Structures are given as structure tokens and as C-alpha cells.
N, C-alpha and C. Protein backbone atom coordinates (compact mmCIF):
# COMPACT_ATOMS: atom_id res chain seq x y z
N MET A 1 -17.25 -5.02 -5.29
CA MET A 1 -16.28 -4.06 -5.79
C MET A 1 -15.28 -3.75 -4.68
N THR A 2 -14.01 -3.86 -4.98
CA THR A 2 -12.95 -3.60 -4.02
C THR A 2 -12.67 -2.10 -3.95
N GLU A 3 -12.59 -1.58 -2.71
CA GLU A 3 -12.28 -0.16 -2.54
C GLU A 3 -10.87 0.12 -3.03
N GLN A 4 -10.69 1.23 -3.71
CA GLN A 4 -9.38 1.64 -4.20
C GLN A 4 -8.92 2.87 -3.44
N GLN A 5 -7.63 2.93 -3.14
CA GLN A 5 -7.09 4.08 -2.44
C GLN A 5 -7.39 5.35 -3.25
N PRO A 6 -7.98 6.35 -2.62
CA PRO A 6 -8.32 7.56 -3.36
C PRO A 6 -7.11 8.44 -3.63
N TYR A 7 -7.22 9.22 -4.68
CA TYR A 7 -6.24 10.26 -5.00
C TYR A 7 -6.91 11.22 -5.96
N ARG A 8 -6.29 12.38 -6.13
CA ARG A 8 -6.79 13.38 -7.08
C ARG A 8 -5.66 13.73 -8.02
N VAL A 9 -5.92 13.67 -9.33
CA VAL A 9 -4.91 14.04 -10.31
C VAL A 9 -4.79 15.56 -10.31
N VAL A 10 -3.59 16.06 -10.04
CA VAL A 10 -3.31 17.49 -9.99
C VAL A 10 -2.95 17.99 -11.39
N SER A 11 -2.09 17.22 -12.09
CA SER A 11 -1.68 17.58 -13.45
C SER A 11 -1.09 16.37 -14.15
N ARG A 12 -1.00 16.46 -15.46
CA ARG A 12 -0.37 15.40 -16.25
C ARG A 12 0.89 15.95 -16.90
N HIS A 13 1.93 15.16 -16.88
CA HIS A 13 3.23 15.53 -17.43
C HIS A 13 3.69 14.41 -18.36
N PRO A 14 4.65 14.67 -19.23
CA PRO A 14 5.18 13.58 -20.06
C PRO A 14 5.76 12.47 -19.17
N GLY A 15 5.18 11.31 -19.25
CA GLY A 15 5.67 10.16 -18.49
C GLY A 15 5.06 9.92 -17.14
N PHE A 16 4.18 10.81 -16.64
CA PHE A 16 3.58 10.56 -15.33
C PHE A 16 2.40 11.49 -15.07
N GLU A 17 1.61 11.11 -14.04
CA GLU A 17 0.56 11.96 -13.48
C GLU A 17 1.07 12.47 -12.14
N LEU A 18 0.74 13.70 -11.82
CA LEU A 18 1.02 14.24 -10.50
C LEU A 18 -0.28 14.11 -9.71
N ARG A 19 -0.20 13.41 -8.59
CA ARG A 19 -1.40 13.11 -7.79
C ARG A 19 -1.26 13.62 -6.36
N ARG A 20 -2.41 13.91 -5.77
CA ARG A 20 -2.47 14.24 -4.35
C ARG A 20 -3.18 13.08 -3.65
N TYR A 21 -2.45 12.46 -2.74
CA TYR A 21 -3.00 11.36 -1.95
C TYR A 21 -3.37 11.87 -0.57
N PRO A 22 -4.56 11.54 -0.07
CA PRO A 22 -4.91 11.94 1.30
C PRO A 22 -4.18 11.06 2.32
N ALA A 23 -4.15 11.51 3.56
CA ALA A 23 -3.61 10.67 4.62
C ALA A 23 -4.40 9.36 4.63
N HIS A 24 -3.72 8.28 4.89
CA HIS A 24 -4.37 6.98 4.94
C HIS A 24 -3.62 6.05 5.89
N VAL A 25 -4.24 4.94 6.19
CA VAL A 25 -3.68 3.99 7.14
C VAL A 25 -3.33 2.70 6.40
N VAL A 26 -2.21 2.10 6.78
CA VAL A 26 -1.80 0.82 6.20
C VAL A 26 -1.56 -0.19 7.31
N ALA A 27 -1.76 -1.45 6.97
CA ALA A 27 -1.26 -2.57 7.78
C ALA A 27 -0.03 -3.02 7.01
N GLU A 28 1.11 -3.09 7.68
CA GLU A 28 2.34 -3.40 6.97
C GLU A 28 3.17 -4.43 7.70
N MET A 29 4.08 -5.01 6.94
CA MET A 29 4.97 -6.02 7.48
C MET A 29 6.32 -5.85 6.79
N GLN A 30 7.39 -5.85 7.57
CA GLN A 30 8.72 -5.77 6.99
C GLN A 30 9.21 -7.18 6.72
N ILE A 31 9.75 -7.38 5.53
CA ILE A 31 10.20 -8.71 5.08
C ILE A 31 11.63 -8.61 4.58
N GLN A 32 12.46 -9.56 4.97
CA GLN A 32 13.81 -9.69 4.43
C GLN A 32 13.73 -10.78 3.37
N ALA A 33 13.66 -10.37 2.11
CA ALA A 33 13.51 -11.33 1.01
C ALA A 33 13.78 -10.60 -0.30
N SER A 34 13.77 -11.35 -1.38
CA SER A 34 13.94 -10.74 -2.69
C SER A 34 12.71 -9.90 -3.04
N PHE A 35 12.84 -9.07 -4.05
CA PHE A 35 11.73 -8.24 -4.51
C PHE A 35 10.51 -9.10 -4.81
N THR A 36 10.72 -10.23 -5.45
CA THR A 36 9.61 -11.10 -5.86
C THR A 36 9.03 -11.88 -4.68
N ARG A 37 9.87 -12.32 -3.75
CA ARG A 37 9.41 -13.13 -2.62
C ARG A 37 8.74 -12.31 -1.52
N ALA A 38 9.14 -11.05 -1.36
CA ALA A 38 8.62 -10.25 -0.25
C ALA A 38 7.10 -10.19 -0.20
N PRO A 39 6.41 -9.85 -1.31
CA PRO A 39 4.95 -9.79 -1.21
C PRO A 39 4.31 -11.16 -0.98
N ILE A 40 4.95 -12.20 -1.47
CA ILE A 40 4.42 -13.56 -1.27
C ILE A 40 4.51 -13.94 0.20
N GLU A 41 5.65 -13.63 0.83
CA GLU A 41 5.84 -13.98 2.24
C GLU A 41 4.99 -13.12 3.18
N ALA A 42 4.74 -11.89 2.80
CA ALA A 42 3.95 -11.00 3.66
C ALA A 42 2.45 -11.20 3.49
N PHE A 43 2.04 -11.77 2.37
CA PHE A 43 0.61 -11.85 2.06
C PHE A 43 -0.18 -12.61 3.12
N ARG A 44 0.28 -13.78 3.51
CA ARG A 44 -0.49 -14.61 4.46
C ARG A 44 -0.73 -13.90 5.80
N PRO A 45 0.30 -13.34 6.46
CA PRO A 45 0.03 -12.64 7.73
C PRO A 45 -0.86 -11.41 7.56
N LEU A 46 -0.66 -10.65 6.48
CA LEU A 46 -1.50 -9.47 6.27
C LEU A 46 -2.94 -9.86 5.94
N ALA A 47 -3.10 -10.90 5.12
CA ALA A 47 -4.45 -11.38 4.80
C ALA A 47 -5.12 -11.95 6.05
N ALA A 48 -4.35 -12.62 6.90
CA ALA A 48 -4.92 -13.13 8.15
C ALA A 48 -5.40 -11.97 9.02
N TYR A 49 -4.63 -10.88 9.06
CA TYR A 49 -5.04 -9.72 9.85
C TYR A 49 -6.39 -9.19 9.38
N ILE A 50 -6.55 -8.93 8.08
CA ILE A 50 -7.83 -8.39 7.62
C ILE A 50 -8.94 -9.44 7.67
N GLY A 51 -8.55 -10.72 7.71
CA GLY A 51 -9.53 -11.79 7.79
C GLY A 51 -10.03 -12.08 9.19
N GLY A 52 -9.46 -11.40 10.20
CA GLY A 52 -9.96 -11.56 11.56
C GLY A 52 -8.91 -11.91 12.60
N ALA A 53 -7.63 -12.03 12.23
CA ALA A 53 -6.56 -12.30 13.20
C ALA A 53 -6.19 -10.98 13.87
N ASN A 54 -7.15 -10.46 14.63
CA ASN A 54 -6.98 -9.16 15.27
C ASN A 54 -7.88 -9.07 16.49
N ARG A 55 -7.65 -8.02 17.26
CA ARG A 55 -8.47 -7.77 18.45
C ARG A 55 -9.11 -6.39 18.30
N VAL A 56 -10.41 -6.34 18.40
CA VAL A 56 -11.15 -5.08 18.27
C VAL A 56 -10.79 -4.18 19.45
N ARG A 57 -10.56 -2.92 19.14
CA ARG A 57 -10.30 -1.93 20.19
C ARG A 57 -11.65 -1.44 20.71
N HIS A 58 -11.82 -1.42 22.00
CA HIS A 58 -13.06 -0.95 22.60
C HIS A 58 -12.93 0.52 22.95
N PRO A 59 -13.77 1.37 22.36
CA PRO A 59 -13.70 2.79 22.72
C PRO A 59 -14.03 3.00 24.19
N ILE A 60 -13.42 4.00 24.78
CA ILE A 60 -13.68 4.31 26.19
C ILE A 60 -15.16 4.65 26.35
N GLY A 61 -15.79 4.02 27.33
CA GLY A 61 -17.20 4.27 27.58
C GLY A 61 -18.12 3.36 26.79
N SER A 62 -17.58 2.49 25.96
CA SER A 62 -18.40 1.58 25.18
C SER A 62 -18.38 0.20 25.82
N SER A 63 -19.54 -0.39 25.94
CA SER A 63 -19.60 -1.71 26.56
C SER A 63 -19.53 -2.83 25.52
N THR A 64 -19.94 -2.56 24.28
CA THR A 64 -19.88 -3.58 23.24
C THR A 64 -19.38 -2.96 21.94
N PRO A 65 -18.49 -3.65 21.25
CA PRO A 65 -18.01 -3.12 19.98
C PRO A 65 -19.04 -3.33 18.88
N ALA A 66 -19.07 -2.41 17.95
CA ALA A 66 -19.98 -2.53 16.80
C ALA A 66 -19.34 -3.39 15.73
N MET A 67 -20.11 -4.24 15.10
CA MET A 67 -19.68 -5.03 13.95
C MET A 67 -18.49 -5.94 14.23
N SER A 68 -18.37 -6.49 15.42
CA SER A 68 -17.27 -7.39 15.69
C SER A 68 -17.80 -8.81 15.89
N ALA A 69 -16.92 -9.76 15.65
CA ALA A 69 -17.29 -11.17 15.81
C ALA A 69 -17.37 -11.48 17.30
N SER A 70 -17.98 -12.62 17.63
CA SER A 70 -18.14 -13.00 19.03
C SER A 70 -16.80 -13.25 19.71
N ASP A 71 -15.75 -13.53 18.94
CA ASP A 71 -14.43 -13.75 19.54
C ASP A 71 -13.63 -12.47 19.72
N GLY A 72 -14.24 -11.31 19.43
CA GLY A 72 -13.56 -10.04 19.61
C GLY A 72 -12.67 -9.64 18.45
N SER A 73 -12.84 -10.30 17.31
CA SER A 73 -12.06 -9.93 16.13
C SER A 73 -12.98 -9.25 15.12
N GLU A 74 -12.40 -8.67 14.09
CA GLU A 74 -13.18 -7.97 13.08
C GLU A 74 -12.60 -8.25 11.70
N LYS A 75 -13.47 -8.54 10.75
CA LYS A 75 -13.03 -8.70 9.37
C LYS A 75 -12.98 -7.32 8.73
N ILE A 76 -11.93 -7.09 7.92
CA ILE A 76 -11.72 -5.80 7.27
C ILE A 76 -11.74 -6.04 5.77
N ALA A 77 -12.46 -5.22 5.04
CA ALA A 77 -12.54 -5.38 3.59
C ALA A 77 -11.18 -5.17 2.95
N MET A 78 -10.91 -5.96 1.93
CA MET A 78 -9.67 -5.81 1.16
C MET A 78 -9.77 -4.56 0.31
N THR A 79 -8.68 -3.83 0.21
CA THR A 79 -8.61 -2.66 -0.66
C THR A 79 -7.42 -2.83 -1.59
N VAL A 80 -7.33 -1.98 -2.59
CA VAL A 80 -6.17 -1.99 -3.47
C VAL A 80 -5.61 -0.58 -3.54
N PRO A 81 -4.33 -0.47 -3.77
CA PRO A 81 -3.38 -1.50 -4.14
C PRO A 81 -2.72 -2.15 -2.93
N VAL A 82 -1.99 -3.24 -3.20
CA VAL A 82 -1.02 -3.79 -2.26
C VAL A 82 0.28 -3.10 -2.64
N VAL A 83 0.95 -2.52 -1.66
CA VAL A 83 2.11 -1.67 -1.91
C VAL A 83 3.37 -2.33 -1.37
N GLN A 84 4.45 -2.16 -2.10
CA GLN A 84 5.76 -2.63 -1.68
C GLN A 84 6.72 -1.46 -1.73
N VAL A 85 7.46 -1.26 -0.63
CA VAL A 85 8.40 -0.15 -0.51
C VAL A 85 9.74 -0.72 -0.08
N GLU A 86 10.82 -0.21 -0.66
CA GLU A 86 12.15 -0.66 -0.24
C GLU A 86 12.36 -0.33 1.22
N GLY A 87 12.93 -1.28 1.95
CA GLY A 87 13.14 -1.11 3.39
C GLY A 87 14.39 -0.31 3.71
N GLU A 88 14.75 -0.33 4.98
CA GLU A 88 15.87 0.47 5.48
C GLU A 88 17.23 -0.12 5.14
N TRP A 89 17.28 -1.38 4.76
CA TRP A 89 18.55 -2.00 4.39
C TRP A 89 18.34 -2.86 3.14
N PRO A 90 19.43 -3.19 2.43
CA PRO A 90 19.30 -3.97 1.18
C PRO A 90 18.60 -5.31 1.43
N GLY A 91 17.69 -5.64 0.54
CA GLY A 91 16.96 -6.89 0.64
C GLY A 91 15.79 -6.86 1.62
N ALA A 92 15.47 -5.69 2.15
CA ALA A 92 14.33 -5.55 3.07
C ALA A 92 13.25 -4.74 2.37
N TYR A 93 12.02 -5.17 2.55
CA TYR A 93 10.88 -4.47 1.95
C TYR A 93 9.76 -4.35 2.97
N LEU A 94 9.01 -3.26 2.86
CA LEU A 94 7.75 -3.13 3.59
C LEU A 94 6.67 -3.49 2.60
N VAL A 95 5.80 -4.40 2.98
CA VAL A 95 4.64 -4.75 2.17
C VAL A 95 3.43 -4.23 2.93
N GLN A 96 2.60 -3.45 2.23
CA GLN A 96 1.50 -2.75 2.89
C GLN A 96 0.17 -3.06 2.24
N PHE A 97 -0.84 -3.29 3.07
CA PHE A 97 -2.23 -3.32 2.64
C PHE A 97 -2.81 -1.96 3.02
N VAL A 98 -3.35 -1.24 2.06
CA VAL A 98 -4.01 0.03 2.34
C VAL A 98 -5.37 -0.30 2.97
N MET A 99 -5.66 0.30 4.10
CA MET A 99 -6.89 0.03 4.82
C MET A 99 -8.04 0.87 4.27
N PRO A 100 -9.28 0.38 4.45
CA PRO A 100 -10.43 1.16 3.99
C PRO A 100 -10.43 2.57 4.60
N ALA A 101 -10.91 3.52 3.85
CA ALA A 101 -10.89 4.93 4.26
C ALA A 101 -11.72 5.20 5.51
N THR A 102 -12.62 4.30 5.87
CA THR A 102 -13.46 4.51 7.05
C THR A 102 -12.69 4.31 8.36
N PHE A 103 -11.49 3.75 8.29
CA PHE A 103 -10.70 3.48 9.49
C PHE A 103 -9.63 4.54 9.71
N THR A 104 -9.27 4.71 10.98
CA THR A 104 -8.10 5.49 11.37
C THR A 104 -7.18 4.53 12.10
N ALA A 105 -5.97 4.97 12.42
CA ALA A 105 -5.05 4.11 13.16
C ALA A 105 -5.63 3.76 14.53
N ALA A 106 -6.43 4.65 15.09
CA ALA A 106 -7.03 4.42 16.41
C ALA A 106 -8.24 3.48 16.36
N THR A 107 -8.91 3.39 15.22
CA THR A 107 -10.12 2.56 15.16
C THR A 107 -9.88 1.18 14.53
N LEU A 108 -8.74 0.99 13.90
CA LEU A 108 -8.44 -0.34 13.35
C LEU A 108 -8.19 -1.32 14.48
N PRO A 109 -8.60 -2.57 14.30
CA PRO A 109 -8.30 -3.56 15.33
C PRO A 109 -6.78 -3.78 15.45
N GLU A 110 -6.36 -4.24 16.61
CA GLU A 110 -4.94 -4.53 16.84
C GLU A 110 -4.59 -5.88 16.22
N PRO A 111 -3.47 -5.98 15.51
CA PRO A 111 -3.05 -7.26 14.94
C PRO A 111 -2.69 -8.27 16.04
N VAL A 112 -3.03 -9.52 15.82
CA VAL A 112 -2.61 -10.59 16.72
C VAL A 112 -1.15 -10.91 16.46
N ASP A 113 -0.74 -10.90 15.20
CA ASP A 113 0.63 -11.19 14.80
C ASP A 113 1.48 -9.93 15.04
N ALA A 114 2.48 -10.04 15.90
CA ALA A 114 3.32 -8.88 16.25
C ALA A 114 4.12 -8.35 15.06
N ARG A 115 4.26 -9.12 14.00
CA ARG A 115 4.99 -8.66 12.82
C ARG A 115 4.17 -7.67 11.99
N VAL A 116 2.85 -7.66 12.17
CA VAL A 116 1.97 -6.75 11.44
C VAL A 116 1.86 -5.45 12.24
N ARG A 117 2.12 -4.35 11.56
CA ARG A 117 2.11 -3.04 12.21
C ARG A 117 1.10 -2.14 11.52
N ILE A 118 0.40 -1.32 12.29
CA ILE A 118 -0.55 -0.34 11.76
C ILE A 118 0.15 1.01 11.77
N ARG A 119 0.07 1.73 10.64
CA ARG A 119 0.76 3.01 10.54
C ARG A 119 -0.03 3.97 9.67
N GLU A 120 -0.05 5.24 10.08
CA GLU A 120 -0.69 6.27 9.27
C GLU A 120 0.34 6.88 8.33
N ILE A 121 -0.03 7.01 7.08
CA ILE A 121 0.81 7.65 6.07
C ILE A 121 0.23 9.05 5.86
N PRO A 122 1.05 10.10 5.99
CA PRO A 122 0.52 11.46 5.83
C PRO A 122 0.14 11.76 4.39
N ALA A 123 -0.71 12.75 4.21
CA ALA A 123 -1.08 13.21 2.86
C ALA A 123 0.19 13.59 2.12
N GLN A 124 0.18 13.37 0.81
CA GLN A 124 1.37 13.70 0.04
C GLN A 124 1.07 13.92 -1.43
N LEU A 125 1.99 14.64 -2.05
CA LEU A 125 1.99 14.85 -3.49
C LEU A 125 2.94 13.81 -4.07
N ALA A 126 2.53 13.14 -5.13
CA ALA A 126 3.36 12.08 -5.70
C ALA A 126 3.18 11.99 -7.20
N ALA A 127 4.24 11.60 -7.87
CA ALA A 127 4.21 11.31 -9.31
C ALA A 127 3.93 9.82 -9.46
N ALA A 128 3.11 9.45 -10.45
CA ALA A 128 2.76 8.05 -10.63
C ALA A 128 2.72 7.70 -12.11
N VAL A 129 3.15 6.48 -12.40
CA VAL A 129 3.05 5.95 -13.76
C VAL A 129 2.36 4.58 -13.67
N ARG A 130 1.40 4.37 -14.54
CA ARG A 130 0.63 3.13 -14.58
C ARG A 130 1.13 2.28 -15.74
N PHE A 131 1.14 0.95 -15.53
CA PHE A 131 1.51 0.04 -16.61
C PHE A 131 0.86 -1.32 -16.37
N SER A 132 0.77 -2.11 -17.41
CA SER A 132 0.27 -3.48 -17.27
C SER A 132 1.45 -4.42 -17.49
N GLY A 133 1.31 -5.63 -16.98
CA GLY A 133 2.37 -6.59 -17.18
C GLY A 133 2.68 -7.39 -15.94
N ARG A 134 3.77 -8.11 -16.04
CA ARG A 134 4.21 -9.01 -14.96
C ARG A 134 4.76 -8.23 -13.77
N TRP A 135 4.77 -8.90 -12.63
CA TRP A 135 5.24 -8.31 -11.38
C TRP A 135 6.71 -8.63 -11.16
N THR A 136 7.55 -8.31 -12.10
CA THR A 136 8.96 -8.62 -11.97
C THR A 136 9.72 -7.40 -11.46
N GLU A 137 10.84 -7.66 -10.82
CA GLU A 137 11.68 -6.57 -10.34
C GLU A 137 12.15 -5.71 -11.51
N GLN A 138 12.46 -6.35 -12.63
CA GLN A 138 12.92 -5.61 -13.80
C GLN A 138 11.83 -4.67 -14.34
N ALA A 139 10.59 -5.15 -14.42
CA ALA A 139 9.49 -4.32 -14.93
C ALA A 139 9.27 -3.10 -14.04
N PHE A 140 9.26 -3.31 -12.72
CA PHE A 140 9.07 -2.19 -11.81
C PHE A 140 10.28 -1.27 -11.80
N SER A 141 11.48 -1.83 -11.84
CA SER A 141 12.70 -1.05 -11.80
C SER A 141 12.83 -0.15 -13.03
N GLN A 142 12.50 -0.67 -14.19
CA GLN A 142 12.55 0.15 -15.42
C GLN A 142 11.60 1.33 -15.32
N ARG A 143 10.38 1.09 -14.84
CA ARG A 143 9.41 2.19 -14.70
C ARG A 143 9.87 3.19 -13.65
N ALA A 144 10.47 2.69 -12.55
CA ALA A 144 10.95 3.58 -11.50
C ALA A 144 12.05 4.50 -12.03
N THR A 145 12.96 3.96 -12.81
CA THR A 145 14.04 4.76 -13.39
C THR A 145 13.47 5.81 -14.34
N MET A 146 12.55 5.40 -15.21
CA MET A 146 11.93 6.35 -16.14
C MET A 146 11.15 7.42 -15.39
N LEU A 147 10.44 7.02 -14.34
CA LEU A 147 9.66 7.98 -13.55
C LEU A 147 10.58 9.00 -12.88
N GLY A 148 11.66 8.53 -12.28
CA GLY A 148 12.61 9.44 -11.64
C GLY A 148 13.16 10.47 -12.62
N ARG A 149 13.51 10.02 -13.82
CA ARG A 149 14.02 10.94 -14.85
C ARG A 149 12.96 11.93 -15.28
N SER A 150 11.74 11.46 -15.46
CA SER A 150 10.64 12.34 -15.90
C SER A 150 10.32 13.39 -14.84
N VAL A 151 10.34 12.98 -13.57
CA VAL A 151 10.05 13.90 -12.47
C VAL A 151 11.11 14.99 -12.41
N THR A 152 12.37 14.61 -12.52
CA THR A 152 13.47 15.57 -12.50
C THR A 152 13.39 16.52 -13.70
N ALA A 153 13.09 15.95 -14.88
CA ALA A 153 12.96 16.76 -16.09
C ALA A 153 11.82 17.78 -15.97
N ALA A 154 10.79 17.45 -15.19
CA ALA A 154 9.66 18.37 -14.99
C ALA A 154 9.95 19.42 -13.92
N GLY A 155 11.16 19.36 -13.34
CA GLY A 155 11.54 20.35 -12.34
C GLY A 155 11.05 20.04 -10.94
N LEU A 156 10.62 18.81 -10.71
CA LEU A 156 10.14 18.40 -9.39
C LEU A 156 11.26 17.67 -8.65
N GLN A 157 11.18 17.70 -7.31
CA GLN A 157 12.21 17.06 -6.50
C GLN A 157 11.62 15.85 -5.77
N PRO A 158 12.15 14.66 -6.05
CA PRO A 158 11.67 13.46 -5.34
C PRO A 158 11.98 13.55 -3.84
N THR A 159 11.10 12.96 -3.06
CA THR A 159 11.31 12.86 -1.61
C THR A 159 10.67 11.56 -1.14
N GLY A 160 11.37 10.79 -0.40
CA GLY A 160 10.80 9.53 0.08
C GLY A 160 11.04 8.38 -0.87
N ALA A 161 10.63 7.21 -0.42
CA ALA A 161 10.88 5.96 -1.15
C ALA A 161 9.85 5.74 -2.26
N ILE A 162 10.29 5.10 -3.31
CA ILE A 162 9.39 4.70 -4.40
C ILE A 162 8.49 3.59 -3.89
N ARG A 163 7.22 3.66 -4.28
CA ARG A 163 6.24 2.62 -3.94
C ARG A 163 5.89 1.85 -5.20
N TYR A 164 5.85 0.54 -5.07
CA TYR A 164 5.44 -0.34 -6.17
C TYR A 164 4.06 -0.86 -5.81
N ALA A 165 3.08 -0.60 -6.68
CA ALA A 165 1.68 -0.91 -6.35
C ALA A 165 1.12 -1.96 -7.30
N ARG A 166 0.48 -2.96 -6.70
CA ARG A 166 -0.18 -4.02 -7.46
C ARG A 166 -1.68 -3.94 -7.16
N PHE A 167 -2.49 -3.95 -8.20
CA PHE A 167 -3.92 -3.77 -8.04
C PHE A 167 -4.73 -5.05 -8.26
N ASP A 168 -4.14 -6.08 -8.83
CA ASP A 168 -4.92 -7.24 -9.23
C ASP A 168 -4.50 -8.52 -8.51
N LEU A 169 -5.39 -9.49 -8.54
CA LEU A 169 -5.11 -10.79 -7.95
C LEU A 169 -4.11 -11.54 -8.82
N PRO A 170 -3.33 -12.44 -8.22
CA PRO A 170 -2.28 -13.14 -8.97
C PRO A 170 -2.77 -13.95 -10.17
N TRP A 171 -4.01 -14.42 -10.13
CA TRP A 171 -4.49 -15.25 -11.24
C TRP A 171 -5.03 -14.44 -12.42
N LYS A 172 -5.05 -13.13 -12.30
CA LYS A 172 -5.45 -12.30 -13.44
C LYS A 172 -4.36 -12.41 -14.51
N PRO A 173 -4.71 -12.56 -15.78
CA PRO A 173 -3.68 -12.67 -16.82
C PRO A 173 -2.72 -11.48 -16.74
N TRP A 174 -1.44 -11.76 -16.86
CA TRP A 174 -0.41 -10.75 -16.67
C TRP A 174 -0.60 -9.52 -17.55
N PHE A 175 -1.10 -9.71 -18.75
CA PHE A 175 -1.24 -8.58 -19.68
C PHE A 175 -2.42 -7.69 -19.34
N LEU A 176 -3.27 -8.10 -18.40
CA LEU A 176 -4.41 -7.29 -17.96
C LEU A 176 -4.18 -6.64 -16.59
N ARG A 177 -3.07 -6.98 -15.94
CA ARG A 177 -2.82 -6.48 -14.59
C ARG A 177 -2.51 -4.97 -14.59
N ARG A 178 -3.04 -4.31 -13.57
CA ARG A 178 -2.74 -2.88 -13.37
C ARG A 178 -1.66 -2.78 -12.30
N ASN A 179 -0.59 -2.10 -12.66
CA ASN A 179 0.52 -1.87 -11.75
C ASN A 179 0.86 -0.39 -11.80
N GLU A 180 1.48 0.11 -10.73
CA GLU A 180 1.92 1.50 -10.72
C GLU A 180 3.23 1.63 -9.96
N VAL A 181 4.00 2.63 -10.35
CA VAL A 181 5.16 3.07 -9.60
C VAL A 181 4.84 4.49 -9.15
N VAL A 182 5.00 4.75 -7.86
CA VAL A 182 4.61 6.04 -7.28
C VAL A 182 5.83 6.62 -6.53
N LEU A 183 6.12 7.88 -6.82
CA LEU A 183 7.29 8.55 -6.23
C LEU A 183 6.83 9.85 -5.56
N PRO A 184 6.93 9.95 -4.23
CA PRO A 184 6.58 11.20 -3.56
C PRO A 184 7.50 12.33 -4.02
N VAL A 185 6.92 13.53 -4.14
CA VAL A 185 7.70 14.70 -4.54
C VAL A 185 7.47 15.85 -3.56
N VAL A 186 8.42 16.76 -3.52
CA VAL A 186 8.33 17.93 -2.64
C VAL A 186 7.19 18.82 -3.11
N GLU A 187 6.41 19.33 -2.18
CA GLU A 187 5.29 20.22 -2.48
C GLU A 187 5.77 21.50 -3.14
């Protein structure tokens, strides 16, 4: 069973759920590519990181790391969702793997690939809409537009970038895939 990023549903509104997400850590990579290509291009380096392309951090005063391979790397369990966020400039995206809840930014191994960055995301309140279907820019964009309108209609104020979340493996039939659009809102 794959660990899923935790959240608590605060309330339900027409068109979305209001959720509270705890602080969590992501391994992320910035990609200059189309909406569709970005997660494909980022997947291999991020998967390599959780697969052991990393260096275990040794706590001060510890002579041997716990649960690490003989080469000083550590395998990290895959979690869901895989998140995509619009970057700082057009055509740039951050693709993020949410790390297991047992890790902090200080306890995660260091990536070998300099393009992979570890970052803590603070706790936040966010509106989310779930849907099934293909991973197209149009499908996510339509839901993002509807979510933004629903959030505003509910009297909430968006803050931060929209996150596009994919929960399933690519070979799962498109009509069974779980996808979400998540929009942070002001507390």
C-alpha cells in the first residue's frame, strides 16, 4: 500500500472540499517543458533519488546510519500524489514527490543529482477538487478555472500556486485515475 499525503477535510462547498494539509517535505525538480512533458522529464531523476541516488545524512554523534545501504544511500518509499506546480516563468514547472511523513528535511538523504531539491512545505488550508480522467493540460486547466471560481464564490481568497496532483501509475486506465487540483487559500 502506497502512503498518501495526509489531510483533514474542514468543510465541503459546492465544487470543492476545504482541506487542512500538515507541513510536509517534498523532493522537487524544476523543469522547462510543456505541461505534459514536465512530469515525464522529472520522473527519472526523482525516482532515482527515492530509489537510492542519495547520500544518507549522519546525525551528529552517530557512528552508523540506521537502515542505509552499504554504499551510504537509502531507498525511500514512494508516496502519492506526484504534484506539479507552475514555475516562476512561463513553461517552467516544479514536479514534486511528496516524501513519507516519517521524514523531515533534516533527516532525508541528500540527493546525488544537484537538480533534485529537498524542501519543506508549510501547513496550509487549501481547496481541492477530485476528478478522474486523462492527464491533459486541458483537463487540469478546466478544473483549475472551475475551482478558482468556486473558491471566490464561497468568499475565500486564493493564495499561492495551483497544484496539479496525480495519484496513479501511468498504466492505470485513464477512466480510473484519481487526479486533483488543489488551490491554497487564506486562513
